[in-house]
N, C-alpha and C. Protein backbone atom coordinates (compact mmCIF):
# COMPACT_ATOMS: atom_id res chain seq x y z
N MET A 1 -8.49 12.06 131.40
CA MET A 1 -7.83 12.29 130.76
C MET A 1 -6.52 12.93 131.21
N PRO A 2 -5.29 12.55 130.68
CA PRO A 2 -3.96 13.49 130.99
C PRO A 2 -4.15 14.54 130.09
N GLY A 3 -3.61 15.72 130.59
CA GLY A 3 -3.72 16.69 129.51
C GLY A 3 -4.88 17.17 128.61
N MET A 4 -6.00 16.91 129.36
CA MET A 4 -7.17 17.74 129.00
C MET A 4 -8.01 17.84 130.17
N ARG A 5 -8.86 19.13 130.10
CA ARG A 5 -9.51 20.11 131.42
C ARG A 5 -11.01 19.34 131.12
N LEU A 6 -11.80 18.78 131.73
CA LEU A 6 -13.41 18.61 131.75
C LEU A 6 -13.86 20.21 131.60
N ARG A 7 -14.57 20.56 130.98
CA ARG A 7 -15.55 21.60 130.96
C ARG A 7 -16.65 21.31 131.12
N ARG A 8 -17.23 20.43 130.49
CA ARG A 8 -18.70 20.24 131.11
C ARG A 8 -19.44 18.97 130.99
N LEU A 9 -20.16 18.63 131.99
CA LEU A 9 -20.78 17.19 131.73
C LEU A 9 -22.28 17.37 131.65
N ALA A 10 -22.92 16.61 130.28
CA ALA A 10 -24.47 17.02 129.97
C ALA A 10 -25.03 15.99 130.27
N SER A 11 -25.90 15.85 131.20
CA SER A 11 -26.78 14.74 131.40
C SER A 11 -27.72 14.57 130.37
N TYR A 12 -28.16 13.50 130.27
CA TYR A 12 -29.53 12.94 129.12
C TYR A 12 -30.03 11.80 129.46
N ARG A 13 -31.11 11.61 128.92
CA ARG A 13 -31.53 10.34 128.75
C ARG A 13 -32.19 10.04 127.21
N ARG A 14 -32.29 8.83 126.87
CA ARG A 14 -32.48 8.52 125.20
C ARG A 14 -33.97 7.77 125.50
N GLY A 15 -34.82 8.82 126.08
CA GLY A 15 -36.67 7.90 126.45
C GLY A 15 -36.66 7.37 127.72
N PRO A 16 -37.74 7.47 128.42
CA PRO A 16 -37.85 7.42 129.95
C PRO A 16 -37.71 6.48 130.63
N ASP A 17 -37.21 5.32 129.55
CA ASP A 17 -37.08 4.15 130.36
C ASP A 17 -35.36 3.53 130.18
N ALA A 18 -34.46 4.61 129.40
CA ALA A 18 -33.01 4.75 129.36
C ALA A 18 -32.45 4.54 130.40
N THR A 19 -31.10 4.43 130.20
CA THR A 19 -30.30 4.81 131.30
C THR A 19 -29.61 6.11 130.92
N ARG A 20 -29.12 6.69 132.15
CA ARG A 20 -28.71 7.94 131.78
C ARG A 20 -27.02 7.91 131.18
N ARG A 21 -26.96 9.15 130.44
CA ARG A 21 -25.83 9.00 129.84
C ARG A 21 -25.53 10.92 129.98
N PHE A 22 -23.89 10.64 129.75
CA PHE A 22 -23.27 11.77 129.99
C PHE A 22 -22.47 12.41 128.29
N ALA A 23 -22.70 13.30 128.11
CA ALA A 23 -21.87 14.00 127.01
C ALA A 23 -21.15 15.01 127.62
N ALA A 24 -19.59 15.10 127.57
CA ALA A 24 -18.48 15.64 127.83
C ALA A 24 -17.78 16.33 126.98
N LEU A 25 -17.55 17.87 127.37
CA LEU A 25 -16.51 18.68 126.84
C LEU A 25 -15.48 18.54 127.26
N TYR A 26 -14.19 18.89 127.02
CA TYR A 26 -13.02 18.80 126.98
C TYR A 26 -12.27 19.84 125.93
N TYR A 27 -11.37 20.53 127.34
CA TYR A 27 -10.54 21.28 126.47
C TYR A 27 -9.05 20.93 126.68
N ASP A 28 -7.90 21.36 126.06
CA ASP A 28 -6.73 21.49 126.21
C ASP A 28 -6.21 21.71 127.28
N ASP A 29 -5.23 20.92 128.46
CA ASP A 29 -4.90 21.83 129.72
C ASP A 29 -3.61 21.96 129.68
N ASP A 30 -3.20 22.54 128.48
CA ASP A 30 -1.77 23.02 128.78
C ASP A 30 -0.57 21.70 129.22
N GLY A 31 -1.35 20.74 128.71
CA GLY A 31 -0.15 19.58 129.20
C GLY A 31 0.20 19.13 130.83
N ALA A 32 -1.51 19.37 131.49
CA ALA A 32 -1.22 19.19 132.93
C ALA A 32 -1.47 17.38 132.83
N LEU A 33 -0.39 16.84 133.68
CA LEU A 33 -0.32 15.71 133.94
C LEU A 33 -1.71 14.96 135.07
N ALA A 34 -2.11 15.92 135.45
CA ALA A 34 -3.39 15.45 136.31
C ALA A 34 -4.55 16.31 136.15
N PRO A 35 -5.71 15.62 136.51
CA PRO A 35 -6.92 16.82 135.95
C PRO A 35 -6.82 17.69 137.04
N SER A 36 -7.34 18.87 136.43
CA SER A 36 -7.80 20.26 137.18
C SER A 36 -9.20 20.22 137.38
N HIS A 37 -9.90 19.14 136.78
CA HIS A 37 -11.44 19.90 137.73
C HIS A 37 -11.78 18.21 137.89
N THR A 38 -12.45 18.18 139.15
CA THR A 38 -13.15 17.09 139.86
C THR A 38 -15.05 17.25 139.28
N TRP A 39 -15.51 15.92 139.83
CA TRP A 39 -17.07 16.37 139.62
C TRP A 39 -18.02 16.11 140.86
N LEU A 40 -19.20 15.84 140.74
CA LEU A 40 -19.84 15.60 141.44
C LEU A 40 -21.50 15.15 140.58
N ILE A 41 -21.86 13.90 140.96
CA ILE A 41 -23.15 13.41 140.11
C ILE A 41 -24.31 13.01 140.75
N ASP A 42 -25.16 13.31 140.18
CA ASP A 42 -26.67 13.22 141.41
C ASP A 42 -26.48 13.59 142.48
N VAL A 43 -26.54 15.03 143.00
CA VAL A 43 -26.63 15.44 144.37
C VAL A 43 -27.75 16.65 144.28
N ASP A 44 -28.32 16.52 145.44
CA ASP A 44 -29.12 17.44 145.62
C ASP A 44 -29.08 19.05 145.57
N ALA A 45 -30.33 19.85 145.14
CA ALA A 45 -29.77 21.05 145.15
C ALA A 45 -29.02 22.06 146.51
N ALA A 46 -29.09 21.24 147.99
CA ALA A 46 -28.47 21.77 148.76
C ALA A 46 -26.88 21.57 148.62
N THR A 47 -26.85 20.57 148.50
CA THR A 47 -25.60 19.86 147.97
C THR A 47 -24.41 20.86 147.09
N ALA A 48 -25.25 20.79 145.60
CA ALA A 48 -24.87 21.83 144.64
C ALA A 48 -24.84 22.97 145.30
N ALA A 49 -25.87 23.60 145.83
CA ALA A 49 -25.16 25.38 146.30
C ALA A 49 -24.10 25.43 147.55
N ALA A 50 -23.93 24.37 148.13
CA ALA A 50 -22.60 24.42 148.85
C ALA A 50 -21.41 24.32 148.69
N HIS A 51 -21.57 23.62 147.23
CA HIS A 51 -19.85 23.74 146.50
C HIS A 51 -20.40 24.80 145.37
N GLY A 52 -20.88 25.91 145.39
CA GLY A 52 -21.26 26.80 144.30
C GLY A 52 -19.99 27.56 144.07
N SER A 53 -18.91 28.14 145.12
CA SER A 53 -17.96 28.36 144.94
C SER A 53 -16.93 28.11 143.78
N ARG A 54 -17.30 26.48 143.81
CA ARG A 54 -16.20 26.01 143.07
C ARG A 54 -16.41 25.44 141.53
N ALA A 55 -17.79 25.56 141.58
CA ALA A 55 -18.54 25.05 140.14
C ALA A 55 -17.95 25.47 139.16
N ALA A 56 -17.65 24.51 138.00
CA ALA A 56 -17.83 25.42 136.89
C ALA A 56 -18.81 25.44 135.80
N SER A 57 -19.25 23.99 136.08
CA SER A 57 -20.49 23.67 134.76
C SER A 57 -21.52 23.26 135.86
N LEU A 58 -22.58 23.12 135.37
CA LEU A 58 -23.74 22.11 135.94
C LEU A 58 -24.72 21.67 134.70
N SER A 59 -25.47 20.45 135.41
CA SER A 59 -26.45 19.76 134.26
C SER A 59 -27.14 19.33 135.21
N VAL A 60 -28.65 18.94 134.84
CA VAL A 60 -29.58 18.53 135.75
C VAL A 60 -30.30 16.87 134.94
N ASP A 61 -30.87 16.49 135.92
CA ASP A 61 -31.39 14.95 135.58
C ASP A 61 -32.70 15.22 136.39
N VAL A 62 -33.96 14.80 135.71
CA VAL A 62 -35.41 14.50 136.40
C VAL A 62 -35.80 13.14 136.20
N VAL A 63 -35.81 12.54 136.97
CA VAL A 63 -36.39 11.37 136.95
C VAL A 63 -37.55 10.88 136.10
N PRO A 64 -37.79 10.47 135.29
CA PRO A 64 -39.08 9.96 134.70
C PRO A 64 -39.74 9.13 135.63
N GLY A 65 -41.28 9.28 136.10
CA GLY A 65 -41.90 9.05 136.95
C GLY A 65 -42.21 9.75 138.32
N SER A 66 -40.81 9.42 138.93
CA SER A 66 -40.79 10.23 140.35
C SER A 66 -40.43 11.95 140.39
N GLY A 67 -39.94 12.59 139.44
CA GLY A 67 -39.82 13.80 139.01
C GLY A 67 -38.46 14.18 140.16
N HIS A 68 -37.59 13.18 140.44
CA HIS A 68 -36.26 13.42 141.46
C HIS A 68 -35.52 14.54 140.60
N VAL A 69 -34.88 15.76 141.44
CA VAL A 69 -33.99 16.11 140.65
C VAL A 69 -32.54 15.95 141.09
N GLY A 70 -31.86 15.70 140.02
CA GLY A 70 -30.68 15.35 140.61
C GLY A 70 -29.31 16.39 139.74
N TRP A 71 -28.48 16.70 140.46
CA TRP A 71 -27.29 17.95 139.91
C TRP A 71 -26.11 17.17 139.61
N THR A 72 -25.70 17.24 138.64
CA THR A 72 -24.43 17.23 138.07
C THR A 72 -23.27 18.30 137.94
N LEU A 73 -22.08 18.33 138.78
CA LEU A 73 -21.50 19.83 138.45
C LEU A 73 -19.93 19.69 138.76
N VAL A 74 -18.98 19.93 137.54
CA VAL A 74 -17.79 20.23 137.44
C VAL A 74 -17.07 21.04 138.45
N LEU A 75 -16.44 20.60 139.28
CA LEU A 75 -15.72 21.41 140.13
C LEU A 75 -13.96 21.58 139.82
N GLU A 76 -13.92 23.14 140.31
CA GLU A 76 -12.50 23.43 139.82
C GLU A 76 -11.79 23.66 141.04
N ALA A 77 -10.65 23.50 140.85
CA ALA A 77 -9.59 23.23 142.48
C ALA A 77 -9.64 23.81 143.25
N HIS A 78 -9.88 25.82 142.82
CA HIS A 78 -9.98 26.64 144.02
C HIS A 78 -11.31 27.36 143.86
N PRO A 79 -12.08 27.75 145.15
CA PRO A 79 -13.00 28.35 145.70
C PRO A 79 -12.69 30.17 144.43
N HIS A 80 -13.97 30.40 143.96
CA HIS A 80 -13.82 32.00 143.41
C HIS A 80 -15.14 32.49 144.29
N PRO A 81 -14.34 34.00 145.01
CA PRO A 81 -15.41 34.63 145.73
C PRO A 81 -16.38 35.00 145.00
N GLY A 82 -17.53 35.02 145.78
CA GLY A 82 -18.75 35.19 145.04
C GLY A 82 -19.74 34.43 143.88
N ARG A 83 -18.78 33.42 143.65
CA ARG A 83 -19.68 32.24 142.94
C ARG A 83 -20.74 31.64 143.92
N ALA A 84 -21.67 31.45 142.99
CA ALA A 84 -22.67 30.57 143.77
C ALA A 84 -23.56 30.24 142.71
N VAL A 85 -24.26 29.04 143.19
CA VAL A 85 -25.16 28.38 142.39
C VAL A 85 -27.08 28.70 143.09
N TYR A 86 -27.70 28.54 142.07
CA TYR A 86 -28.76 28.96 142.10
C TYR A 86 -30.09 27.95 141.45
N THR A 87 -30.90 27.19 141.83
CA THR A 87 -32.00 26.32 141.49
C THR A 87 -33.31 26.82 141.44
N ASP A 88 -34.16 26.08 140.40
CA ASP A 88 -35.80 26.71 140.51
C ASP A 88 -36.20 27.80 140.03
N LEU A 89 -35.44 28.57 139.21
CA LEU A 89 -35.74 29.98 138.72
C LEU A 89 -36.59 30.16 137.92
N ALA A 90 -37.38 30.85 137.74
CA ALA A 90 -38.71 31.12 136.85
C ALA A 90 -37.60 32.11 135.91
N PRO A 91 -37.98 32.72 134.54
CA PRO A 91 -37.31 33.58 133.80
C PRO A 91 -37.15 34.63 134.39
N ASP A 92 -38.20 35.67 135.11
CA ASP A 92 -38.23 36.91 135.77
C ASP A 92 -37.34 36.46 136.95
N ALA A 93 -37.47 35.67 137.88
CA ALA A 93 -36.25 35.59 138.96
C ALA A 93 -34.82 35.95 138.72
N PHE A 94 -34.83 34.90 137.35
CA PHE A 94 -33.33 34.48 137.11
C PHE A 94 -32.54 35.91 136.36
N ASN A 95 -33.48 36.89 135.86
CA ASN A 95 -33.14 38.33 134.96
C ASN A 95 -33.34 38.83 136.53
N GLU A 96 -34.05 38.93 137.72
CA GLU A 96 -33.50 39.33 138.60
C GLU A 96 -32.07 39.28 139.14
N LEU A 97 -31.77 37.93 139.31
CA LEU A 97 -30.45 37.16 139.86
C LEU A 97 -29.32 38.02 139.47
N ILE A 98 -29.33 38.06 137.92
CA ILE A 98 -28.69 38.42 137.34
C ILE A 98 -28.16 40.24 137.11
N ALA A 99 -29.35 40.66 137.12
CA ALA A 99 -29.03 42.21 136.95
C ALA A 99 -28.79 43.03 137.74
N PRO A 100 -27.61 43.96 137.62
CA PRO A 100 -27.08 44.44 136.90
C PRO A 100 -25.30 44.24 136.12
N ASP A 101 -25.12 43.09 137.27
CA ASP A 101 -23.53 43.00 136.94
C ASP A 101 -23.25 41.62 137.56
N GLN A 102 -24.16 40.84 137.11
CA GLN A 102 -24.00 39.32 137.06
C GLN A 102 -22.87 38.43 136.00
N THR A 103 -22.42 37.66 135.83
CA THR A 103 -22.04 36.96 135.29
C THR A 103 -22.68 35.43 135.07
N VAL A 104 -23.11 34.93 134.11
CA VAL A 104 -23.36 33.24 134.24
C VAL A 104 -22.57 32.53 133.67
N VAL A 105 -21.96 31.68 134.71
CA VAL A 105 -20.89 30.61 134.28
C VAL A 105 -21.74 29.64 133.52
N ASP A 106 -22.39 29.28 133.88
CA ASP A 106 -23.04 28.03 133.11
C ASP A 106 -24.39 28.18 133.78
N LEU A 107 -25.56 27.30 132.87
CA LEU A 107 -27.07 27.51 132.63
C LEU A 107 -27.04 26.07 132.63
N ALA A 108 -28.69 25.70 133.26
CA ALA A 108 -29.12 24.57 133.11
C ALA A 108 -30.96 24.94 132.82
N THR A 109 -31.85 23.88 132.41
CA THR A 109 -33.60 24.18 132.41
C THR A 109 -33.81 22.65 132.32
N TYR A 110 -34.95 22.81 132.85
CA TYR A 110 -35.57 20.98 133.38
C TYR A 110 -37.11 21.72 133.33
N LEU A 111 -37.72 20.83 133.46
CA LEU A 111 -39.61 21.21 133.68
C LEU A 111 -39.61 20.47 135.03
N ARG A 112 -40.49 20.92 136.13
CA ARG A 112 -40.54 20.74 137.39
C ARG A 112 -42.30 21.16 137.82
N ASP A 113 -43.01 20.10 137.94
CA ASP A 113 -44.30 20.04 137.84
C ASP A 113 -44.93 20.54 137.15
N GLY A 114 -44.34 20.74 135.89
CA GLY A 114 -44.89 21.13 134.29
C GLY A 114 -44.70 22.93 133.97
N SER A 115 -43.73 23.15 135.19
CA SER A 115 -43.27 24.60 134.68
C SER A 115 -41.86 24.22 134.30
N ARG A 116 -41.29 25.54 133.66
CA ARG A 116 -39.92 25.50 133.20
C ARG A 116 -39.52 26.32 134.15
N CYS A 117 -38.42 25.34 134.51
CA CYS A 117 -37.20 26.16 135.61
C CYS A 117 -35.99 26.28 134.80
N PHE A 118 -35.01 27.31 135.48
CA PHE A 118 -34.05 27.44 135.26
C PHE A 118 -32.78 27.36 136.39
N ALA A 119 -31.59 26.70 136.22
CA ALA A 119 -30.39 26.97 137.56
C ALA A 119 -29.38 27.74 136.48
N ALA A 120 -28.42 28.27 137.66
CA ALA A 120 -27.32 28.96 136.81
C ALA A 120 -26.26 29.19 138.05
N ILE A 121 -25.04 29.26 137.35
CA ILE A 121 -23.56 29.20 138.42
C ILE A 121 -23.75 30.85 137.71
N VAL A 122 -23.61 31.81 138.66
CA VAL A 122 -23.58 33.22 138.94
C VAL A 122 -21.89 34.02 139.64
N GLU A 123 -21.47 34.77 139.03
CA GLU A 123 -20.60 35.51 139.87
C GLU A 123 -20.14 36.79 139.46
N PRO A 124 -20.10 37.92 140.53
CA PRO A 124 -19.93 38.99 139.99
C PRO A 124 -18.55 39.56 138.76
N SER A 125 -19.23 40.31 137.82
CA SER A 125 -19.09 40.64 136.89
C SER A 125 -17.96 41.60 137.22
N ASP A 126 -17.03 41.99 136.31
CA ASP A 126 -16.21 43.58 136.25
C ASP A 126 -16.55 44.28 135.31
N GLY A 127 -17.37 44.03 134.02
CA GLY A 127 -18.02 45.00 133.61
C GLY A 127 -19.87 44.51 133.54
N ASP A 128 -20.01 44.80 132.05
CA ASP A 128 -21.53 44.58 131.95
C ASP A 128 -21.90 43.08 131.88
N GLY A 129 -23.09 42.66 132.55
CA GLY A 129 -23.42 41.53 133.42
C GLY A 129 -23.89 40.83 132.31
N SER A 130 -24.04 39.49 132.40
CA SER A 130 -24.88 38.49 131.24
C SER A 130 -25.88 38.68 130.66
N VAL A 131 -26.69 38.73 129.86
CA VAL A 131 -28.16 38.73 129.09
C VAL A 131 -28.27 37.74 129.13
N PHE A 132 -29.59 37.59 129.22
CA PHE A 132 -30.43 35.88 129.37
C PHE A 132 -31.85 35.93 128.70
N PHE A 133 -31.95 35.26 127.75
CA PHE A 133 -33.19 35.08 126.67
C PHE A 133 -33.80 33.23 127.25
N PRO A 134 -34.87 33.82 127.80
CA PRO A 134 -35.70 32.15 128.01
C PRO A 134 -35.88 31.12 127.03
N SER A 135 -36.52 31.70 126.04
CA SER A 135 -36.96 30.75 124.67
C SER A 135 -36.95 31.79 123.87
N LEU A 136 -35.82 30.94 123.09
CA LEU A 136 -35.68 31.35 120.94
C LEU A 136 -36.06 30.67 120.54
N SER A 137 -36.45 30.96 119.85
CA SER A 137 -36.40 29.52 118.27
C SER A 137 -35.05 29.64 117.52
N PRO A 138 -34.70 28.64 116.86
CA PRO A 138 -33.16 28.61 116.36
C PRO A 138 -33.31 29.93 115.30
N GLU A 139 -34.36 30.28 114.70
CA GLU A 139 -34.61 31.42 113.86
C GLU A 139 -34.55 32.89 114.60
N GLN A 140 -34.94 33.17 115.57
CA GLN A 140 -34.80 34.28 116.53
C GLN A 140 -33.58 34.23 117.23
N ILE A 141 -32.54 33.77 117.33
CA ILE A 141 -31.06 33.92 117.97
C ILE A 141 -30.51 35.24 117.02
N ARG A 142 -30.10 34.82 115.87
CA ARG A 142 -29.03 36.02 115.60
C ARG A 142 -30.23 37.48 115.50
N PRO A 143 -31.20 37.29 114.89
CA PRO A 143 -31.69 38.54 114.81
C PRO A 143 -32.44 39.51 116.09
N THR A 144 -32.08 38.42 117.42
CA THR A 144 -32.38 39.01 118.69
C THR A 144 -31.08 39.53 119.18
N LEU A 145 -29.91 38.93 119.22
CA LEU A 145 -28.76 39.37 119.56
C LEU A 145 -27.98 39.95 118.74
N GLY A 146 -28.24 40.28 117.74
CA GLY A 146 -27.15 40.73 116.78
C GLY A 146 -27.49 42.22 117.29
N PRO A 147 -28.36 42.97 117.09
CA PRO A 147 -28.94 44.01 117.36
C PRO A 147 -28.42 44.60 118.99
N ARG A 148 -28.47 43.66 119.93
CA ARG A 148 -28.18 43.98 121.31
C ARG A 148 -26.72 44.13 121.53
N GLY A 149 -25.92 43.95 120.41
CA GLY A 149 -24.59 43.77 120.49
C GLY A 149 -24.15 42.99 121.25
N VAL A 150 -24.78 41.40 121.80
CA VAL A 150 -24.00 40.55 122.30
C VAL A 150 -23.85 39.35 121.71
N ILE A 151 -23.13 38.49 122.09
CA ILE A 151 -23.02 37.26 121.42
C ILE A 151 -23.21 36.07 122.59
N PRO A 152 -23.59 34.85 122.13
CA PRO A 152 -24.03 33.97 122.99
C PRO A 152 -23.01 33.12 123.18
N THR A 153 -22.94 32.76 124.60
CA THR A 153 -22.09 31.93 125.18
C THR A 153 -22.49 30.57 125.42
N LYS A 154 -23.66 30.29 126.06
CA LYS A 154 -24.54 28.87 126.59
C LYS A 154 -25.58 28.91 125.65
N ALA A 155 -26.22 27.88 125.36
CA ALA A 155 -27.28 27.36 124.70
C ALA A 155 -27.75 25.92 125.15
N ARG A 156 -28.91 26.11 125.67
CA ARG A 156 -29.72 24.93 126.63
C ARG A 156 -31.02 24.56 125.36
N ALA A 157 -31.07 23.65 124.80
CA ALA A 157 -32.07 23.33 124.23
C ALA A 157 -33.24 22.61 124.64
N TYR A 158 -34.36 22.99 124.59
CA TYR A 158 -35.58 22.21 124.83
C TYR A 158 -36.67 22.01 123.84
N HIS A 159 -37.75 20.74 123.71
CA HIS A 159 -38.25 20.66 122.76
C HIS A 159 -39.83 21.07 123.54
N GLU A 160 -40.83 21.91 122.71
CA GLU A 160 -42.19 22.26 123.28
C GLU A 160 -42.96 21.71 122.33
N GLY A 161 -43.08 20.31 122.11
CA GLY A 161 -44.19 19.85 121.30
C GLY A 161 -44.62 21.00 119.76
N PRO A 162 -45.79 21.16 119.57
CA PRO A 162 -45.77 22.07 118.36
C PRO A 162 -44.85 23.33 117.99
N ALA A 163 -44.55 23.89 119.50
CA ALA A 163 -43.43 25.09 118.94
C ALA A 163 -41.90 25.02 118.67
N GLY A 164 -41.57 23.29 118.78
CA GLY A 164 -40.70 22.79 118.31
C GLY A 164 -39.20 23.08 119.17
N TRP A 165 -37.90 23.40 118.81
CA TRP A 165 -36.70 23.71 119.22
C TRP A 165 -37.10 24.95 119.73
N ARG A 166 -37.21 24.94 121.09
CA ARG A 166 -36.61 26.58 121.87
C ARG A 166 -34.98 26.38 122.13
N LEU A 167 -34.82 27.64 122.56
CA LEU A 167 -33.53 27.63 123.04
C LEU A 167 -33.28 28.89 124.60
N ALA A 168 -32.94 28.23 125.59
CA ALA A 168 -32.38 29.30 126.57
C ALA A 168 -30.97 29.77 126.58
N VAL A 169 -30.76 31.08 126.63
CA VAL A 169 -29.69 31.67 125.72
C VAL A 169 -28.71 32.36 126.82
N ILE A 170 -27.82 32.34 127.41
CA ILE A 170 -26.89 32.76 127.70
C ILE A 170 -25.89 34.12 126.91
N ALA A 171 -25.95 35.28 126.78
CA ALA A 171 -24.99 35.81 125.65
C ALA A 171 -24.27 37.24 126.79
N GLU A 172 -23.28 37.62 126.16
CA GLU A 172 -21.96 38.75 126.64
C GLU A 172 -22.17 39.72 125.65
N HIS A 173 -21.88 41.01 126.36
CA HIS A 173 -21.25 41.79 125.43
C HIS A 173 -20.22 41.67 125.23
N ALA A 174 -20.32 41.93 123.61
CA ALA A 174 -18.77 41.79 122.68
C ALA A 174 -19.46 41.90 121.57
N ARG A 175 -18.31 42.20 120.64
CA ARG A 175 -18.24 42.64 119.16
C ARG A 175 -17.18 42.10 118.29
N GLY A 176 -17.35 41.84 117.28
CA GLY A 176 -16.44 41.16 116.50
C GLY A 176 -15.81 39.72 116.18
N THR A 177 -16.51 39.05 117.18
CA THR A 177 -16.40 37.71 116.99
C THR A 177 -17.54 36.94 115.76
N SER A 178 -17.03 36.51 115.31
CA SER A 178 -17.91 35.07 114.63
C SER A 178 -18.51 34.11 115.17
N TRP A 179 -19.57 33.55 115.43
CA TRP A 179 -20.36 32.89 116.27
C TRP A 179 -21.81 32.28 115.45
N SER A 180 -21.98 30.78 115.63
CA SER A 180 -22.77 29.92 115.44
C SER A 180 -23.39 29.33 116.17
N VAL A 181 -24.95 29.31 116.52
CA VAL A 181 -25.59 28.26 117.56
C VAL A 181 -26.04 26.89 116.63
N LEU A 182 -25.90 25.89 116.84
CA LEU A 182 -26.28 24.50 116.35
C LEU A 182 -27.00 24.04 117.28
N VAL A 183 -28.39 23.63 116.39
CA VAL A 183 -29.61 23.07 117.11
C VAL A 183 -29.92 21.52 116.35
N ASP A 184 -30.45 21.02 117.43
CA ASP A 184 -30.84 19.62 117.00
C ASP A 184 -30.19 19.00 115.68
N ILE A 185 -28.86 18.66 116.46
CA ILE A 185 -27.87 17.51 115.47
C ILE A 185 -27.83 16.27 116.50
N ASP A 186 -26.91 15.57 115.44
CA ASP A 186 -26.55 13.98 116.27
C ASP A 186 -25.06 14.31 116.31
N ALA A 187 -24.82 13.23 117.36
CA ALA A 187 -23.31 13.77 117.75
C ALA A 187 -22.07 13.39 116.51
N ASP A 188 -22.59 12.71 115.73
CA ASP A 188 -21.46 12.97 114.27
C ASP A 188 -21.78 14.14 113.50
N ASP A 189 -22.58 15.03 113.97
CA ASP A 189 -22.68 16.34 113.39
C ASP A 189 -21.69 17.33 114.06
N VAL A 190 -21.75 17.07 115.21
CA VAL A 190 -20.78 18.25 115.94
C VAL A 190 -19.85 18.18 115.36
N SER A 191 -18.83 17.37 115.51
CA SER A 191 -17.45 17.18 115.10
C SER A 191 -17.36 17.82 113.65
N GLU A 192 -18.83 17.32 112.95
CA GLU A 192 -18.39 17.95 111.54
C GLU A 192 -18.86 19.24 111.03
N ARG A 193 -19.93 19.86 111.77
CA ARG A 193 -20.19 20.76 111.84
C ARG A 193 -19.41 22.15 112.25
N LEU A 194 -18.52 21.42 113.50
CA LEU A 194 -17.62 22.56 113.66
C LEU A 194 -16.15 22.65 112.54
N GLU A 195 -15.95 21.51 112.15
CA GLU A 195 -14.64 21.37 111.26
C GLU A 195 -15.31 22.53 109.69
N HIS A 196 -16.37 22.14 109.65
CA HIS A 196 -17.06 22.72 108.31
C HIS A 196 -17.13 24.36 108.50
N LEU A 197 -17.39 25.00 109.73
CA LEU A 197 -17.33 26.15 109.93
C LEU A 197 -15.78 26.60 110.58
N GLN A 198 -15.08 25.66 110.71
CA GLN A 198 -13.76 26.45 111.16
C GLN A 198 -13.67 26.96 112.39
N ALA A 199 -14.60 26.21 113.36
CA ALA A 199 -14.88 27.05 114.95
C ALA A 199 -14.60 26.14 115.81
N TYR A 200 -14.22 26.71 116.97
CA TYR A 200 -14.03 26.00 118.05
C TYR A 200 -15.45 26.31 119.07
N PRO A 201 -15.87 24.84 120.15
CA PRO A 201 -17.02 24.91 120.79
C PRO A 201 -16.65 25.57 121.89
N LEU A 202 -17.58 26.77 122.16
CA LEU A 202 -17.45 27.48 123.52
C LEU A 202 -18.64 26.74 124.32
N ASP A 203 -19.57 25.61 123.83
CA ASP A 203 -20.48 25.39 124.87
C ASP A 203 -21.04 24.22 124.17
N LEU A 204 -21.72 23.02 124.83
CA LEU A 204 -21.95 21.98 124.23
C LEU A 204 -22.94 21.61 125.43
N ASP A 205 -24.27 20.80 125.09
CA ASP A 205 -25.24 20.92 125.22
C ASP A 205 -25.71 19.07 125.08
N ALA A 206 -26.85 18.38 125.86
CA ALA A 206 -26.99 17.46 124.87
C ALA A 206 -28.73 16.96 125.71
N VAL A 207 -29.84 16.70 124.61
CA VAL A 207 -30.96 16.36 125.68
C VAL A 207 -31.66 15.15 124.70
N GLY A 208 -32.70 14.08 125.20
CA GLY A 208 -32.83 13.04 124.82
C GLY A 208 -34.04 13.69 124.15
N HIS A 209 -34.21 13.26 123.01
CA HIS A 209 -35.79 13.68 122.12
C HIS A 209 -36.08 12.60 121.64
N GLY A 210 -37.23 11.36 122.26
CA GLY A 210 -37.68 10.53 121.85
C GLY A 210 -36.85 9.45 122.12
N MET A 211 -36.42 8.84 121.21
CA MET A 211 -35.73 7.78 121.69
C MET A 211 -33.88 8.00 121.42
N SER A 212 -33.96 9.30 120.96
CA SER A 212 -32.17 9.82 120.42
C SER A 212 -32.01 10.83 121.43
N ALA A 213 -30.90 10.99 120.90
CA ALA A 213 -30.11 12.20 121.55
C ALA A 213 -29.81 13.55 120.57
N ARG A 214 -29.76 14.59 121.16
CA ARG A 214 -29.73 15.40 120.06
C ARG A 214 -28.99 16.35 120.57
N PHE A 215 -28.03 17.27 119.93
CA PHE A 215 -27.23 18.22 120.56
C PHE A 215 -27.21 19.72 119.97
N ALA A 216 -26.56 20.28 120.56
CA ALA A 216 -26.97 22.10 120.70
C ALA A 216 -25.41 22.51 121.20
N SER A 217 -24.65 23.30 120.27
CA SER A 217 -23.48 23.58 120.67
C SER A 217 -23.67 25.46 120.35
N VAL A 218 -22.54 26.08 121.14
CA VAL A 218 -21.97 27.32 120.50
C VAL A 218 -20.92 27.29 119.99
N ALA A 219 -20.62 27.92 118.73
CA ALA A 219 -19.37 27.79 117.74
C ALA A 219 -18.78 29.40 117.81
N ALA A 220 -17.45 29.31 117.78
CA ALA A 220 -17.25 30.70 117.71
C ALA A 220 -15.60 30.42 117.06
N LYS A 221 -14.98 31.46 116.06
CA LYS A 221 -13.62 31.69 115.52
C LYS A 221 -13.42 33.02 115.41
């Protein structure tokens, strides 16, 4: 899209037999005539890691039945020293990876052999590193993040049966920014809620739930 910069491709399926689809988040690219970002779709973990220094975002697809894991990456034109992609992380391993001075560029979560795993693009931080919360309910986000003096920048929604919607959240140390995390909304609600809040999207995620697609977004103003 001329003049637009691809920020994220979120992979999802509407039901186990449905064709995979993508939700895309674009930002204005200051009138650039040529796309500044490229992408890779359905690559394995080794290929994703090999492109880690240029990775700007990642999402994951686990094929129903086979359990095959494929990665979709948005790539920047130039590498970033120290930036890397990590996959198949348990929550404790994730926290060890980013402590104390790593920033999370993007985040994905998925089930593998019945266990929840996480993946991330990380790079060294000039200040305080990112903070990771692997499982918050929508009602827990504000009372959990507020006292820590952090704001959410990434939110990945997943549904856990009777527990309902949970979110894996990446937050950064900042104050003075008004923010909201939108969860379990449909495609039409994304733009309507952003307009109602008079906010812009920091992040967008899509997840299949039953035969529908539900969206999550981090909004700020």
